[in-house]
């Protein structure tokens, strides 16, 4: 069975319940920057 859950990465609430009984957990969370740091612009020549 496949189940999707949406939780707030900045809060501890809900994680224990979300993974209870799971054999595997895969998350697709990644940081999202609204401002590009100058070092990233220079390194990647943006």
N, C-alpha and C. Protein backbone atom coordinates (compact mmCIF):
# COMPACT_ATOMS: atom_id res chain seq x y z
N UNK A 1 0.85 -1.17 0.00
CA UNK A 1 0.00 0.00 0.00
C UNK A 1 0.90 1.24 0.00
N UNK A 2 0.53 2.23 -0.78
CA UNK A 2 1.26 3.49 -0.86
C UNK A 2 0.42 4.58 -0.24
N UNK A 3 1.03 5.37 0.63
CA UNK A 3 0.31 6.45 1.30
C UNK A 3 1.16 7.71 1.27
N UNK A 4 0.54 8.85 0.99
CA UNK A 4 1.22 10.13 0.98
C UNK A 4 0.79 10.93 2.20
N UNK A 5 1.75 11.60 2.83
CA UNK A 5 1.47 12.46 3.99
C UNK A 5 2.15 13.80 3.75
N UNK A 6 1.50 14.85 4.19
CA UNK A 6 2.09 16.18 4.11
C UNK A 6 2.24 16.72 5.53
N UNK A 7 3.48 17.03 5.90
CA UNK A 7 3.77 17.52 7.24
C UNK A 7 4.65 18.75 7.15
N UNK A 8 4.65 19.53 8.21
CA UNK A 8 5.48 20.72 8.29
C UNK A 8 6.87 20.33 8.78
N UNK A 9 7.89 20.55 7.96
CA UNK A 9 9.26 20.18 8.33
C UNK A 9 9.79 20.98 9.51
N UNK A 10 9.17 22.11 9.79
CA UNK A 10 9.63 22.96 10.87
C UNK A 10 8.97 22.65 12.21
N UNK A 11 8.07 21.67 12.22
CA UNK A 11 7.37 21.31 13.45
C UNK A 11 7.55 19.83 13.74
N UNK A 12 7.54 19.48 15.02
CA UNK A 12 7.70 18.08 15.44
C UNK A 12 6.39 17.31 15.43
N UNK A 13 5.27 18.00 15.42
CA UNK A 13 3.98 17.34 15.52
C UNK A 13 3.65 16.51 14.27
N UNK A 14 3.13 15.32 14.50
CA UNK A 14 2.62 14.49 13.42
C UNK A 14 3.57 13.46 12.85
N UNK A 15 4.86 13.58 13.14
CA UNK A 15 5.84 12.69 12.53
C UNK A 15 5.72 11.26 13.03
N UNK A 16 5.54 11.08 14.33
CA UNK A 16 5.42 9.73 14.87
C UNK A 16 4.22 9.01 14.28
N UNK A 17 3.10 9.71 14.17
CA UNK A 17 1.89 9.11 13.61
C UNK A 17 2.06 8.82 12.12
N UNK A 18 2.75 9.71 11.42
CA UNK A 18 2.90 9.55 9.97
C UNK A 18 3.73 8.33 9.60
N UNK A 19 4.71 7.98 10.42
CA UNK A 19 5.59 6.85 10.10
C UNK A 19 5.24 5.57 10.86
N UNK A 20 4.24 5.62 11.71
CA UNK A 20 3.85 4.44 12.49
C UNK A 20 3.42 3.32 11.54
N UNK A 21 4.01 2.15 11.71
CA UNK A 21 3.66 0.99 10.90
C UNK A 21 4.30 0.96 9.52
N UNK A 22 5.15 1.91 9.22
CA UNK A 22 5.80 1.95 7.90
C UNK A 22 7.04 1.07 7.87
N UNK A 23 7.26 0.43 6.74
CA UNK A 23 8.50 -0.31 6.52
C UNK A 23 9.56 0.61 5.93
N UNK A 24 9.14 1.57 5.12
CA UNK A 24 10.05 2.51 4.47
C UNK A 24 9.43 3.89 4.48
N UNK A 25 10.29 4.91 4.50
CA UNK A 25 9.85 6.30 4.42
C UNK A 25 10.76 7.00 3.43
N UNK A 26 10.17 7.69 2.48
CA UNK A 26 10.95 8.48 1.53
C UNK A 26 10.36 9.88 1.51
N UNK A 27 11.19 10.86 1.74
CA UNK A 27 10.67 12.23 1.69
C UNK A 27 11.29 12.95 0.50
N UNK A 28 10.57 13.92 -0.01
CA UNK A 28 11.03 14.67 -1.17
C UNK A 28 11.22 16.14 -0.82
N UNK A 29 11.39 16.40 0.46
CA UNK A 29 11.58 17.78 0.90
C UNK A 29 12.95 18.29 0.47
N UNK A 30 12.99 19.53 0.07
CA UNK A 30 14.26 20.16 -0.25
C UNK A 30 14.13 21.65 0.02
N UNK A 31 15.23 22.30 0.31
CA UNK A 31 15.16 23.74 0.58
C UNK A 31 14.78 24.52 -0.67
N UNK A 32 14.07 25.58 -0.46
CA UNK A 32 13.67 26.46 -1.56
C UNK A 32 14.09 27.86 -1.19
N UNK A 33 15.03 28.41 -1.93
CA UNK A 33 15.52 29.75 -1.64
C UNK A 33 14.75 30.78 -2.46
N UNK A 34 14.28 31.81 -1.79
CA UNK A 34 13.60 32.89 -2.50
C UNK A 34 14.59 33.95 -2.95
N UNK A 35 15.77 33.95 -2.33
CA UNK A 35 16.83 34.88 -2.69
C UNK A 35 18.07 34.04 -2.97
N UNK A 36 18.74 34.31 -4.08
CA UNK A 36 19.94 33.56 -4.43
C UNK A 36 21.15 34.23 -3.79
N UNK A 37 21.90 33.51 -2.94
CA UNK A 37 23.10 34.09 -2.32
C UNK A 37 24.13 34.49 -3.38
N UNK A 38 24.86 35.57 -3.13
CA UNK A 38 25.85 36.07 -4.08
C UNK A 38 26.90 35.02 -4.39
N UNK A 39 27.30 34.20 -3.41
CA UNK A 39 28.31 33.16 -3.68
C UNK A 39 27.79 32.15 -4.69
N UNK A 40 26.51 31.83 -4.65
CA UNK A 40 25.93 30.90 -5.61
C UNK A 40 25.90 31.53 -7.00
N UNK A 41 25.62 32.81 -7.06
CA UNK A 41 25.59 33.50 -8.35
C UNK A 41 26.99 33.49 -8.97
N UNK A 42 28.01 33.78 -8.16
CA UNK A 42 29.39 33.82 -8.66
C UNK A 42 29.88 32.44 -9.08
N UNK A 43 29.64 31.44 -8.25
CA UNK A 43 30.12 30.09 -8.54
C UNK A 43 29.44 29.52 -9.78
N UNK A 44 28.15 29.74 -9.91
CA UNK A 44 27.39 29.17 -11.03
C UNK A 44 27.25 30.13 -12.20
N UNK A 45 27.88 31.27 -12.12
CA UNK A 45 27.86 32.29 -13.17
C UNK A 45 26.44 32.62 -13.62
N UNK A 46 25.56 32.84 -12.65
CA UNK A 46 24.16 33.20 -12.97
C UNK A 46 24.06 34.66 -13.30
